[in-house]
Amino acid sequence: MGKLSRNKGKRYERELANYLSDNGFPSRRGQQFSGGGDSPDVVSEEFPFHIEAKRVERLDLYSAFSQAISDAGDKPPCVIHRRSNSESMFTCRLSDLVALLTKQSWNENSGISKD
């Protein structure tokens, strides 16, 4: 990955953290050098998902989501992504979304521990 691409990714992580913070989910850019579940691209105690942020023109969504799953820890994974001149999009497992919307406990089927 080139320097320009890394910088674009960092800018998007900051943009995303600012957007979430402005909308009631205090957030900051994560520490990617750490790796693992405790270092999502964007850190937010209030946002209910582990965030994998991607700012690319051509996204391999399944690869990005696999990365989110492997890093997610105790939160359900999601990928928030955007390409140039486009809005950000949010991708998660349907089971995680339904559990959140119906306020059910995360279950073993979604890969998340129960409350």
PDB file of N, CA and C in Angstrom:
ATOM      1  N   MET A   1       0.850  -1.176   0.000  1.00  0.00           N
ATOM      2  CA  MET A   1       0.000   0.000   0.000  1.00  0.00           C
ATOM      3  C   MET A   1       0.890   1.232   0.000  1.00  0.00           C
ATOM      4  N   GLY A   2       0.595   2.165  -0.890  1.00  0.00           N
ATOM      5  CA  GLY A   2       1.401   3.365  -0.989  1.00  0.00           C
ATOM      6  C   GLY A   2       1.049   4.402   0.054  1.00  0.00           C
ATOM      7  N   LYS A   3       1.942   5.378   0.185  1.00  0.00           N
ATOM      8  CA  LYS A   3       1.767   6.438   1.181  1.00  0.00           C
ATOM      9  C   LYS A   3       0.478   7.229   0.947  1.00  0.00           C
ATOM     10  N   LEU A   4       0.178   7.558  -0.321  1.00  0.00           N
ATOM     11  CA  LEU A   4      -1.043   8.311  -0.619  1.00  0.00           C
ATOM     12  C   LEU A   4      -2.283   7.531  -0.212  1.00  0.00           C
ATOM     13  N   SER A   5      -2.271   6.236  -0.463  1.00  0.00           N
ATOM     14  CA  SER A   5      -3.399   5.385  -0.107  1.00  0.00           C
ATOM     15  C   SER A   5      -3.571   5.304   1.411  1.00  0.00           C
ATOM     16  N   ARG A   6      -2.463   5.159   2.134  1.00  0.00           N
ATOM     17  CA  ARG A   6      -2.528   5.128   3.605  1.00  0.00           C
ATOM     18  C   ARG A   6      -3.072   6.437   4.147  1.00  0.00           C
ATOM     19  N   ASN A   7      -2.605   7.549   3.578  1.00  0.00           N
ATOM     20  CA  ASN A   7      -3.083   8.859   4.028  1.00  0.00           C
ATOM     21  C   ASN A   7      -4.568   9.029   3.759  1.00  0.00           C
ATOM     22  N   LYS A   8      -5.040   8.538   2.610  1.00  0.00           N
ATOM     23  CA  LYS A   8      -6.465   8.610   2.289  1.00  0.00           C
ATOM     24  C   LYS A   8      -7.261   7.806   3.311  1.00  0.00           C
ATOM     25  N   GLY A   9      -6.761   6.635   3.689  1.00  0.00           N
ATOM     26  CA  GLY A   9      -7.425   5.808   4.695  1.00  0.00           C
ATOM     27  C   GLY A   9      -7.473   6.494   6.053  1.00  0.00           C
ATOM     28  N   LYS A  10      -6.370   7.122   6.442  1.00  0.00           N
ATOM     29  CA  LYS A  10      -6.333   7.845   7.725  1.00  0.00           C
ATOM     30  C   LYS A  10      -7.308   9.006   7.731  1.00  0.00           C
ATOM     31  N   ARG A  11      -7.357   9.744   6.614  1.00  0.00           N
ATOM     32  CA  ARG A  11      -8.297  10.870   6.518  1.00  0.00           C
ATOM     33  C   ARG A  11      -9.739  10.379   6.645  1.00  0.00           C
ATOM     34  N   TYR A  12     -10.038   9.246   6.012  1.00  0.00           N
ATOM     35  CA  TYR A  12     -11.395   8.707   6.089  1.00  0.00           C
ATOM     36  C   TYR A  12     -11.727   8.253   7.507  1.00  0.00           C
ATOM     37  N   GLU A  13     -10.786   7.648   8.193  1.00  0.00           N
ATOM     38  CA  GLU A  13     -11.016   7.244   9.581  1.00  0.00           C
ATOM     39  C   GLU A  13     -11.318   8.463  10.452  1.00  0.00           C
ATOM     40  N   ARG A  14     -10.576   9.560  10.257  1.00  0.00           N
ATOM     41  CA  ARG A  14     -10.850  10.794  11.010  1.00  0.00           C
ATOM     42  C   ARG A  14     -12.210  11.368  10.626  1.00  0.00           C
ATOM     43  N   GLU A  15     -12.516  11.376   9.333  1.00  0.00           N
ATOM     44  CA  GLU A  15     -13.817  11.863   8.854  1.00  0.00           C
ATOM     45  C   GLU A  15     -14.954  11.054   9.492  1.00  0.00           C
ATOM     46  N   LEU A  16     -14.811   9.746   9.513  1.00  0.00           N
ATOM     47  CA  LEU A  16     -15.815   8.866  10.092  1.00  0.00           C
ATOM     48  C   LEU A  16     -15.955   9.082  11.595  1.00  0.00           C
ATOM     49  N   ALA A  17     -14.832   9.212  12.289  1.00  0.00           N
ATOM     50  CA  ALA A  17     -14.868   9.472  13.734  1.00  0.00           C
ATOM     51  C   ALA A  17     -15.569  10.797  14.019  1.00  0.00           C
ATOM     52  N   ASN A  18     -15.279  11.816  13.232  1.00  0.00           N
ATOM     53  CA  ASN A  18     -15.945  13.116  13.410  1.00  0.00           C
ATOM     54  C   ASN A  18     -17.435  13.012  13.138  1.00  0.00           C
ATOM     55  N   TYR A  19     -17.807  12.301  12.091  1.00  0.00           N
ATOM     56  CA  TYR A  19     -19.222  12.143  11.753  1.00  0.00           C
ATOM     57  C   TYR A  19     -19.968  11.439  12.886  1.00  0.00           C
ATOM     58  N   LEU A  20     -19.408  10.333  13.379  1.00  0.00           N
ATOM     59  CA  LEU A  20     -20.057   9.611  14.475  1.00  0.00           C
ATOM     60  C   LEU A  20     -20.143  10.475  15.725  1.00  0.00           C
ATOM     61  N   SER A  21     -19.070  11.188  16.046  1.00  0.00           N
ATOM     62  CA  SER A  21     -19.067  12.072  17.220  1.00  0.00           C
ATOM     63  C   SER A  21     -20.133  13.151  17.091  1.00  0.00           C
ATOM     64  N   ASP A  22     -20.240  13.736  15.920  1.00  0.00           N
ATOM     65  CA  ASP A  22     -21.239  14.789  15.673  1.00  0.00           C
ATOM     66  C   ASP A  22     -22.666  14.265  15.756  1.00  0.00           C
ATOM     67  N   ASN A  23     -22.824  12.952  15.646  1.00  0.00           N
ATOM     68  CA  ASN A  23     -24.155  12.355  15.664  1.00  0.00           C
ATOM     69  C   ASN A  23     -24.412  11.502  16.907  1.00  0.00           C
ATOM     70  N   GLY A  24     -23.731  11.823  17.992  1.00  0.00           N
ATOM     71  CA  GLY A  24     -24.045  11.208  19.279  1.00  0.00           C
ATOM     72  C   GLY A  24     -23.253   9.983  19.673  1.00  0.00           C
ATOM     73  N   PHE A  25     -22.240   9.630  18.900  1.00  0.00           N
ATOM     74  CA  PHE A  25     -21.395   8.479  19.213  1.00  0.00           C
ATOM     75  C   PHE A  25     -19.952   8.944  19.325  1.00  0.00           C
ATOM     76  N   PRO A  26     -19.549   9.467  20.491  1.00  0.00           N
ATOM     77  CA  PRO A  26     -18.172   9.965  20.634  1.00  0.00           C
ATOM     78  C   PRO A  26     -17.167   8.933  20.117  1.00  0.00           C
ATOM     79  N   SER A  27     -16.291   9.382  19.229  1.00  0.00           N
ATOM     80  CA  SER A  27     -15.382   8.464  18.528  1.00  0.00           C
ATOM     81  C   SER A  27     -14.032   9.119  18.299  1.00  0.00           C
ATOM     82  N   ARG A  28     -13.050   8.249  18.028  1.00  0.00           N
ATOM     83  CA  ARG A  28     -11.717   8.708  17.645  1.00  0.00           C
ATOM     84  C   ARG A  28     -11.126   7.657  16.731  1.00  0.00           C
ATOM     85  N   ARG A  29     -10.086   8.049  16.028  1.00  0.00           N
ATOM     86  CA  ARG A  29      -9.369   7.108  15.168  1.00  0.00           C
ATOM     87  C   ARG A  29      -8.640   6.100  16.045  1.00  0.00           C
ATOM     88  N   GLY A  30      -8.641   4.831  15.620  1.00  0.00           N
ATOM     89  CA  GLY A  30      -7.976   3.779  16.384  1.00  0.00           C
ATOM     90  C   GLY A  30      -6.478   3.779  16.189  1.00  0.00           C
ATOM     91  N   GLN A  31      -5.833   2.805  16.799  1.00  0.00           N
ATOM     92  CA  GLN A  31      -4.381   2.655  16.712  1.00  0.00           C
ATOM     93  C   GLN A  31      -4.081   1.397  15.909  1.00  0.00           C
ATOM     94  N   GLN A  32      -3.986   1.544  14.588  1.00  0.00           N
ATOM     95  CA  GLN A  32      -3.830   0.390  13.721  1.00  0.00           C
ATOM     96  C   GLN A  32      -2.556  -0.404  13.964  1.00  0.00           C
ATOM     97  N   PHE A  33      -1.526   0.245  14.520  1.00  0.00           N
ATOM     98  CA  PHE A  33      -0.269  -0.485  14.722  1.00  0.00           C
ATOM     99  C   PHE A  33      -0.407  -1.585  15.760  1.00  0.00           C
ATOM    100  N   SER A  34      -1.432  -1.515  16.612  1.00  0.00           N
ATOM    101  CA  SER A  34      -1.620  -2.513  17.666  1.00  0.00           C
ATOM    102  C   SER A  34      -2.158  -3.828  17.125  1.00  0.00           C
ATOM    103  N   GLY A  35      -3.088  -3.750  16.163  1.00  0.00           N
ATOM    104  CA  GLY A  35      -3.725  -4.948  15.637  1.00  0.00           C
ATOM    105  C   GLY A  35      -4.695  -5.537  16.636  1.00  0.00           C
ATOM    106  N   GLY A  36      -5.502  -6.492  16.197  1.00  0.00           N
ATOM    107  CA  GLY A  36      -6.406  -7.199  17.076  1.00  0.00           C
ATOM    108  C   GLY A  36      -7.697  -6.448  17.369  1.00  0.00           C
ATOM    109  N   GLY A  37      -8.557  -7.082  18.187  1.00  0.00           N
ATOM    110  CA  GLY A  37      -9.876  -6.572  18.477  1.00  0.00           C
ATOM    111  C   GLY A  37      -9.922  -5.285  19.255  1.00  0.00           C
ATOM    112  N   ASP A  38      -8.818  -4.928  19.921  1.00  0.00           N
ATOM    113  CA  ASP A  38      -8.835  -3.698  20.712  1.00  0.00           C
ATOM    114  C   ASP A  38      -8.382  -2.492  19.894  1.00  0.00           C
ATOM    115  N   SER A  39      -8.233  -2.661  18.583  1.00  0.00           N
ATOM    116  CA  SER A  39      -7.798  -1.528  17.769  1.00  0.00           C
ATOM    117  C   SER A  39      -8.595  -1.417  16.476  1.00  0.00           C
ATOM    118  N   PRO A  40      -9.907  -1.150  16.587  1.00  0.00           N
ATOM    119  CA  PRO A  40     -10.674  -0.936  15.366  1.00  0.00           C
ATOM    120  C   PRO A  40     -10.192   0.317  14.656  1.00  0.00           C
ATOM    121  N   ASP A  41     -10.586   0.489  13.402  1.00  0.00           N
ATOM    122  CA  ASP A  41     -10.189   1.679  12.657  1.00  0.00           C
ATOM    123  C   ASP A  41     -10.731   2.942  13.322  1.00  0.00           C
ATOM    124  N   VAL A  42     -11.949   2.835  13.850  1.00  0.00           N
ATOM    125  CA  VAL A  42     -12.571   3.940  14.578  1.00  0.00           C
ATOM    126  C   VAL A  42     -13.057   3.385  15.916  1.00  0.00           C
ATOM    127  N   VAL A  43     -12.677   4.025  17.002  1.00  0.00           N
ATOM    128  CA  VAL A  43     -13.014   3.571  18.350  1.00  0.00           C
ATOM    129  C   VAL A  43     -14.182   4.384  18.884  1.00  0.00           C
ATOM    130  N   SER A  44     -15.223   3.679  19.344  1.00  0.00           N
ATOM    131  CA  SER A  44     -16.369   4.335  19.976  1.00  0.00           C
ATOM    132  C   SER A  44     -16.983   3.376  20.979  1.00  0.00           C
ATOM    133  N   GLU A  45     -17.041   3.810  22.223  1.00  0.00           N
ATOM    134  CA  GLU A  45     -17.682   2.990  23.256  1.00  0.00           C
ATOM    135  C   GLU A  45     -19.188   2.915  23.026  1.00  0.00           C
ATOM    136  N   GLU A  46     -19.765   3.956  22.454  1.00  0.00           N
ATOM    137  CA  GLU A  46     -21.217   4.061  22.292  1.00  0.00           C
ATOM    138  C   GLU A  46     -21.736   3.381  21.018  1.00  0.00           C
ATOM    139  N   PHE A  47     -20.959   3.387  19.957  1.00  0.00           N
ATOM    140  CA  PHE A  47     -21.400   2.788  18.699  1.00  0.00           C
ATOM    141  C   PHE A  47     -21.380   1.275  18.870  1.00  0.00           C
ATOM    142  N   PRO A  48     -22.483   0.585  18.547  1.00  0.00           N
ATOM    143  CA  PRO A  48     -22.591  -0.837  18.907  1.00  0.00           C
ATOM    144  C   PRO A  48     -21.850  -1.814  18.005  1.00  0.00           C
ATOM    145  N   PHE A  49     -21.055  -1.343  17.042  1.00  0.00           N
ATOM    146  CA  PHE A  49     -20.351  -2.226  16.119  1.00  0.00           C
ATOM    147  C   PHE A  49     -18.850  -1.964  16.139  1.00  0.00           C
ATOM    148  N   HIS A  50     -18.091  -3.022  15.858  1.00  0.00           N
ATOM    149  CA  HIS A  50     -16.653  -2.885  15.588  1.00  0.00           C
ATOM    150  C   HIS A  50     -16.534  -2.390  14.149  1.00  0.00           C
ATOM    151  N   ILE A  51     -15.804  -1.301  13.940  1.00  0.00           N
ATOM    152  CA  ILE A  51     -15.760  -0.653  12.630  1.00  0.00           C
ATOM    153  C   ILE A  51     -14.484  -0.975  11.867  1.00  0.00           C
ATOM    154  N   GLU A  52     -14.671  -1.478  10.665  1.00  0.00           N
ATOM    155  CA  GLU A  52     -13.602  -1.600   9.679  1.00  0.00           C
ATOM    156  C   GLU A  52     -13.905  -0.539   8.629  1.00  0.00           C
ATOM    157  N   ALA A  53     -13.057   0.475   8.505  1.00  0.00           N
ATOM    158  CA  ALA A  53     -13.290   1.586   7.578  1.00  0.00           C
ATOM    159  C   ALA A  53     -12.485   1.377   6.306  1.00  0.00           C
ATOM    160  N   LYS A  54     -13.137   1.560   5.164  1.00  0.00           N
ATOM    161  CA  LYS A  54     -12.477   1.397   3.870  1.00  0.00           C
ATOM    162  C   LYS A  54     -12.824   2.585   2.976  1.00  0.00           C
ATOM    163  N   ARG A  55     -11.803   3.252   2.469  1.00  0.00           N
ATOM    164  CA  ARG A  55     -11.985   4.381   1.550  1.00  0.00           C
ATOM    165  C   ARG A  55     -11.273   4.006   0.262  1.00  0.00           C
ATOM    166  N   VAL A  56     -11.974   3.244  -0.585  1.00  0.00           N
ATOM    167  CA  VAL A  56     -11.398   2.732  -1.827  1.00  0.00           C
ATOM    168  C   VAL A  56     -12.409   2.849  -2.963  1.00  0.00           C
ATOM    169  N   GLU A  57     -11.901   2.834  -4.181  1.00  0.00           N
ATOM    170  CA  GLU A  57     -12.778   2.902  -5.350  1.00  0.00           C
ATOM    171  C   GLU A  57     -13.410   1.547  -5.655  1.00  0.00           C
ATOM    172  N   ARG A  58     -12.653   0.485  -5.450  1.00  0.00           N
ATOM    173  CA  ARG A  58     -13.157  -0.869  -5.705  1.00  0.00           C
ATOM    174  C   ARG A  58     -12.933  -1.706  -4.446  1.00  0.00           C
ATOM    175  N   LEU A  59     -14.008  -1.957  -3.735  1.00  0.00           N
ATOM    176  CA  LEU A  59     -13.928  -2.661  -2.460  1.00  0.00           C
ATOM    177  C   LEU A  59     -14.198  -4.148  -2.638  1.00  0.00           C
ATOM    178  N   ASP A  60     -13.315  -4.966  -2.090  1.00  0.00           N
ATOM    179  CA  ASP A  60     -13.576  -6.404  -1.962  1.00  0.00           C
ATOM    180  C   ASP A  60     -14.296  -6.557  -0.623  1.00  0.00           C
ATOM    181  N   LEU A  61     -15.615  -6.442  -0.672  1.00  0.00           N
ATOM    182  CA  LEU A  61     -16.420  -6.387   0.551  1.00  0.00           C
ATOM    183  C   LEU A  61     -16.262  -7.625   1.422  1.00  0.00           C
ATOM    184  N   TYR A  62     -16.238  -8.800   0.811  1.00  0.00           N
ATOM    185  CA  TYR A  62     -16.131 -10.022   1.607  1.00  0.00           C
ATOM    186  C   TYR A  62     -14.777 -10.133   2.296  1.00  0.00           C
ATOM    187  N   SER A  63     -13.736  -9.687   1.653  1.00  0.00           N
ATOM    188  CA  SER A  63     -12.421  -9.669   2.285  1.00  0.00           C
ATOM    189  C   SER A  63     -12.392  -8.658   3.433  1.00  0.00           C
ATOM    190  N   ALA A  64     -12.953  -7.473   3.203  1.00  0.00           N
ATOM    191  CA  ALA A  64     -13.005  -6.452   4.260  1.00  0.00           C
ATOM    192  C   ALA A  64     -13.841  -6.939   5.431  1.00  0.00           C
ATOM    193  N   PHE A  65     -14.956  -7.614   5.144  1.00  0.00           N
ATOM    194  CA  PHE A  65     -15.801  -8.099   6.230  1.00  0.00           C
ATOM    195  C   PHE A  65     -15.128  -9.229   6.995  1.00  0.00           C
ATOM    196  N   SER A  66     -14.386 -10.075   6.301  1.00  0.00           N
ATOM    197  CA  SER A  66     -13.615 -11.125   6.996  1.00  0.00           C
ATOM    198  C   SER A  66     -12.605 -10.510   7.947  1.00  0.00           C
ATOM    199  N   GLN A  67     -11.961  -9.428   7.520  1.00  0.00           N
ATOM    200  CA  GLN A  67     -11.028  -8.711   8.396  1.00  0.00           C
ATOM    201  C   GLN A  67     -11.770  -8.151   9.609  1.00  0.00           C
ATOM    202  N   ALA A  68     -12.949  -7.577   9.392  1.00  0.00           N
ATOM    203  CA  ALA A  68     -13.739  -7.036  10.502  1.00  0.00           C
ATOM    204  C   ALA A  68     -14.123  -8.133  11.486  1.00  0.00           C
ATOM    205  N   ILE A  69     -14.519  -9.291  10.970  1.00  0.00           N
ATOM    206  CA  ILE A  69     -14.890 -10.416  11.838  1.00  0.00           C
ATOM    207  C   ILE A  69     -13.699 -10.844  12.684  1.00  0.00           C
ATOM    208  N   SER A  70     -12.534 -10.973  12.072  1.00  0.00           N
ATOM    209  CA  SER A  70     -11.364 -11.462  12.810  1.00  0.00           C
ATOM    210  C   SER A  70     -10.888 -10.470  13.864  1.00  0.00           C
ATOM    211  N   ASP A  71     -11.171  -9.179  13.685  1.00  0.00           N
ATOM    212  CA  ASP A  71     -10.729  -8.155  14.630  1.00  0.00           C
ATOM    213  C   ASP A  71     -11.803  -7.709  15.616  1.00  0.00           C
ATOM    214  N   ALA A  72     -13.028  -8.203  15.464  1.00  0.00           N
ATOM    215  CA  ALA A  72     -14.174  -7.611  16.155  1.00  0.00           C
ATOM    216  C   ALA A  72     -14.185  -7.738  17.678  1.00  0.00           C
ATOM    217  N   GLY A  73     -13.593  -8.744  18.238  1.00  0.00           N
ATOM    218  CA  GLY A  73     -13.659  -8.885  19.690  1.00  0.00           C
ATOM    219  C   GLY A  73     -15.091  -9.127  20.145  1.00  0.00           C
ATOM    220  N   ASP A  74     -15.575  -8.337  21.120  1.00  0.00           N
ATOM    221  CA  ASP A  74     -16.910  -8.542  21.701  1.00  0.00           C
ATOM    222  C   ASP A  74     -18.028  -7.797  20.990  1.00  0.00           C
ATOM    223  N   LYS A  75     -17.702  -7.004  19.993  1.00  0.00           N
ATOM    224  CA  LYS A  75     -18.737  -6.263  19.268  1.00  0.00           C
ATOM    225  C   LYS A  75     -19.011  -6.935  17.919  1.00  0.00           C
ATOM    226  N   PRO A  76     -20.226  -6.800  17.407  1.00  0.00           N
ATOM    227  CA  PRO A  76     -20.477  -7.324  16.066  1.00  0.00           C
ATOM    228  C   PRO A  76     -19.704  -6.497  15.034  1.00  0.00           C
ATOM    229  N   PRO A  77     -19.218  -7.133  13.983  1.00  0.00           N
ATOM    230  CA  PRO A  77     -18.410  -6.424  12.986  1.00  0.00           C
ATOM    231  C   PRO A  77     -19.257  -5.675  11.969  1.00  0.00           C
ATOM    232  N   CYS A  78     -18.680  -4.605  11.438  1.00  0.00           N
ATOM    233  CA  CYS A  78     -19.285  -3.907  10.304  1.00  0.00           C
ATOM    234  C   CYS A  78     -18.165  -3.313   9.458  1.00  0.00           C
ATOM    235  N   VAL A  79     -18.506  -3.026   8.219  1.00  0.00           N
ATOM    236  CA  VAL A  79     -17.600  -2.315   7.324  1.00  0.00           C
ATOM    237  C   VAL A  79     -18.318  -1.037   6.919  1.00  0.00           C
ATOM    238  N   ILE A  80     -17.674   0.091   7.140  1.00  0.00           N
ATOM    239  CA  ILE A  80     -18.193   1.368   6.667  1.00  0.00           C
ATOM    240  C   ILE A  80     -17.258   1.801   5.556  1.00  0.00           C
ATOM    241  N   HIS A  81     -17.823   2.048   4.393  1.00  0.00           N
ATOM    242  CA  HIS A  81     -16.985   2.251   3.212  1.00  0.00           C
ATOM    243  C   HIS A  81     -17.530   3.374   2.346  1.00  0.00           C
ATOM    244  N   ARG A  82     -16.584   3.966   1.592  1.00  0.00           N
ATOM    245  CA  ARG A  82     -16.952   5.057   0.702  1.00  0.00           C
ATOM    246  C   ARG A  82     -15.959   5.128  -0.437  1.00  0.00           C
ATOM    247  N   ARG A  83     -16.454   5.465  -1.602  1.00  0.00           N
ATOM    248  CA  ARG A  83     -15.570   5.768  -2.717  1.00  0.00           C
ATOM    249  C   ARG A  83     -15.735   7.246  -3.060  1.00  0.00           C
ATOM    250  N   SER A  84     -14.925   7.762  -3.937  1.00  0.00           N
ATOM    251  CA  SER A  84     -14.945   9.182  -4.281  1.00  0.00           C
ATOM    252  C   SER A  84     -16.321   9.607  -4.773  1.00  0.00           C
ATOM    253  N   ASN A  85     -16.710  10.813  -4.385  1.00  0.00           N
ATOM    254  CA  ASN A  85     -17.967  11.413  -4.825  1.00  0.00           C
ATOM    255  C   ASN A  85     -19.181  10.553  -4.507  1.00  0.00           C
ATOM    256  N   SER A  86     -19.144   9.901  -3.354  1.00  0.00           N
ATOM    257  CA  SER A  86     -20.214   9.008  -2.947  1.00  0.00           C
ATOM    258  C   SER A  86     -20.422   9.121  -1.441  1.00  0.00           C
ATOM    259  N   GLU A  87     -21.585   8.700  -0.982  1.00  0.00           N
ATOM    260  CA  GLU A  87     -21.850   8.676   0.455  1.00  0.00           C
ATOM    261  C   GLU A  87     -21.244   7.426   1.082  1.00  0.00           C
ATOM    262  N   SER A  88     -21.033   7.487   2.383  1.00  0.00           N
ATOM    263  CA  SER A  88     -20.567   6.307   3.101  1.00  0.00           C
ATOM    264  C   SER A  88     -21.689   5.286   3.180  1.00  0.00           C
ATOM    265  N   MET A  89     -21.297   4.030   3.110  1.00  0.00           N
ATOM    266  CA  MET A  89     -22.233   2.905   3.190  1.00  0.00           C
ATOM    267  C   MET A  89     -21.850   2.052   4.395  1.00  0.00           C
ATOM    268  N   PHE A  90     -22.821   1.336   4.932  1.00  0.00           N
ATOM    269  CA  PHE A  90     -22.648   0.514   6.127  1.00  0.00           C
ATOM    270  C   PHE A  90     -23.040  -0.910   5.783  1.00  0.00           C
ATOM    271  N   THR A  91     -22.163  -1.877   6.087  1.00  0.00           N
ATOM    272  CA  THR A  91     -22.447  -3.285   5.833  1.00  0.00           C
ATOM    273  C   THR A  91     -22.243  -4.072   7.119  1.00  0.00           C
ATOM    274  N   CYS A  92     -23.247  -4.879   7.456  1.00  0.00           N
ATOM    275  CA  CYS A  92     -23.135  -5.770   8.619  1.00  0.00           C
ATOM    276  C   CYS A  92     -23.927  -7.038   8.331  1.00  0.00           C
ATOM    277  N   ARG A  93     -23.815  -8.014   9.231  1.00  0.00           N
ATOM    278  CA  ARG A  93     -24.628  -9.220   9.096  1.00  0.00           C
ATOM    279  C   ARG A  93     -26.074  -8.876   9.418  1.00  0.00           C
ATOM    280  N   LEU A  94     -27.002  -9.429   8.682  1.00  0.00           N
ATOM    281  CA  LEU A  94     -28.421  -9.174   8.916  1.00  0.00           C
ATOM    282  C   LEU A  94     -28.822  -9.592  10.325  1.00  0.00           C
ATOM    283  N   SER A  95     -28.288 -10.700  10.814  1.00  0.00           N
ATOM    284  CA  SER A  95     -28.639 -11.163  12.163  1.00  0.00           C
ATOM    285  C   SER A  95     -28.217 -10.155  13.233  1.00  0.00           C
ATOM    286  N   ASP A  96     -27.071  -9.503  13.046  1.00  0.00           N
ATOM    287  CA  ASP A  96     -26.627  -8.481  14.000  1.00  0.00           C
ATOM    288  C   ASP A  96     -27.528  -7.250  13.950  1.00  0.00           C
ATOM    289  N   LEU A  97     -27.914  -6.854  12.755  1.00  0.00           N
ATOM    290  CA  LEU A  97     -28.798  -5.701  12.602  1.00  0.00           C
ATOM    291  C   LEU A  97     -30.158  -5.966  13.240  1.00  0.00           C
ATOM    292  N   VAL A  98     -30.730  -7.129  12.977  1.00  0.00           N
ATOM    293  CA  VAL A  98     -32.037  -7.468  13.548  1.00  0.00           C
ATOM    294  C   VAL A  98     -31.953  -7.523  15.068  1.00  0.00           C
ATOM    295  N   ALA A  99     -30.878  -8.113  15.598  1.00  0.00           N
ATOM    296  CA  ALA A  99     -30.711  -8.169  17.054  1.00  0.00           C
ATOM    297  C   ALA A  99     -30.645  -6.770  17.646  1.00  0.00           C
ATOM    298  N   LEU A 100     -29.944  -5.861  16.989  1.00  0.00           N
ATOM    299  CA  LEU A 100     -29.854  -4.487  17.481  1.00  0.00           C
ATOM    300  C   LEU A 100     -31.205  -3.784  17.395  1.00  0.00           C
ATOM    301  N   LEU A 101     -31.867  -3.922  16.270  1.00  0.00           N
ATOM    302  CA  LEU A 101     -33.140  -3.237  16.074  1.00  0.00           C
ATOM    303  C   LEU A 101     -34.241  -3.754  16.985  1.00  0.00           C
ATOM    304  N   THR A 102     -34.190  -5.030  17.317  1.00  0.00           N
ATOM    305  CA  THR A 102     -35.202  -5.601  18.202  1.00  0.00           C
ATOM    306  C   THR A 102     -34.737  -5.620  19.654  1.00  0.00           C
ATOM    307  N   LYS A 103     -33.524  -5.101  19.867  1.00  0.00           N
ATOM    308  CA  LYS A 103     -32.917  -5.004  21.195  1.00  0.00           C
ATOM    309  C   LYS A 103     -32.797  -6.360  21.886  1.00  0.00           C
ATOM    310  N   GLN A 104     -32.555  -7.407  21.073  1.00  0.00           N
ATOM    311  CA  GLN A 104     -32.302  -8.730  21.613  1.00  0.00           C
ATOM    312  C   GLN A 104     -30.840  -8.817  22.018  1.00  0.00           C
ATOM    313  N   SER A 105     -30.556  -9.739  22.891  1.00  0.00           N
ATOM    314  CA  SER A 105     -29.153  -9.985  23.240  1.00  0.00           C
ATOM    315  C   SER A 105     -28.450 -10.582  22.033  1.00  0.00           C
ATOM    316  N   TRP A 106     -27.169 -10.236  21.876  1.00  0.00           N
ATOM    317  CA  TRP A 106     -26.376 -10.874  20.824  1.00  0.00           C
ATOM    318  C   TRP A 106     -26.285 -12.349  21.170  1.00  0.00           C
ATOM    319  N   ASN A 107     -26.437 -13.212  20.196  1.00  0.00           N
ATOM    320  CA  ASN A 107     -26.398 -14.647  20.488  1.00  0.00           C
ATOM    321  C   ASN A 107     -25.191 -15.304  19.841  1.00  0.00           C
ATOM    322  N   GLU A 108     -24.984 -16.576  20.168  1.00  0.00           N
ATOM    323  CA  GLU A 108     -23.817 -17.284  19.630  1.00  0.00           C
ATOM    324  C   GLU A 108     -23.870 -17.367  18.102  1.00  0.00           C
ATOM    325  N   ASN A 109     -25.067 -17.391  17.508  1.00  0.00           N
ATOM    326  CA  ASN A 109     -25.178 -17.472  16.050  1.00  0.00           C
ATOM    327  C   ASN A 109     -24.583 -16.271  15.363  1.00  0.00           C
ATOM    328  N   SER A 110     -24.593 -15.110  16.019  1.00  0.00           N
ATOM    329  CA  SER A 110     -24.023 -13.916  15.405  1.00  0.00           C
ATOM    330  C   SER A 110     -22.558 -13.743  15.778  1.00  0.00           C
ATOM    331  N   GLY A 111     -22.044 -14.662  16.597  1.00  0.00           N
ATOM    332  CA  GLY A 111     -20.634 -14.587  16.965  1.00  0.00           C
ATOM    333  C   GLY A 111     -20.347 -13.639  18.109  1.00  0.00           C
ATOM    334  N   ILE A 112     -21.392 -13.179  18.785  1.00  0.00           N
ATOM    335  CA  ILE A 112     -21.230 -12.199  19.867  1.00  0.00           C
ATOM    336  C   ILE A 112     -21.756 -12.820  21.158  1.00  0.00           C
ATOM    337  N   SER A 113     -21.085 -12.545  22.264  1.00  0.00           N
ATOM    338  CA  SER A 113     -21.495 -13.103  23.547  1.00  0.00           C
ATOM    339  C   SER A 113     -22.789 -12.455  24.025  1.00  0.00           C
ATOM    340  N   LYS A 114     -23.552 -13.196  24.832  1.00  0.00           N
ATOM    341  CA  LYS A 114     -24.811 -12.676  25.368  1.00  0.00           C
ATOM    342  C   LYS A 114     -24.560 -11.614  26.421  1.00  0.00           C
ATOM    343  N   ASP A 115     -25.522 -10.689  26.547  1.00  0.00           N
ATOM    344  CA  ASP A 115     -25.446  -9.638  27.591  1.00  0.00           C
ATOM    345  C   ASP A 115     -25.639 -10.224  28.965  1.00  0.00           C
TER     346      ASP A 115
END
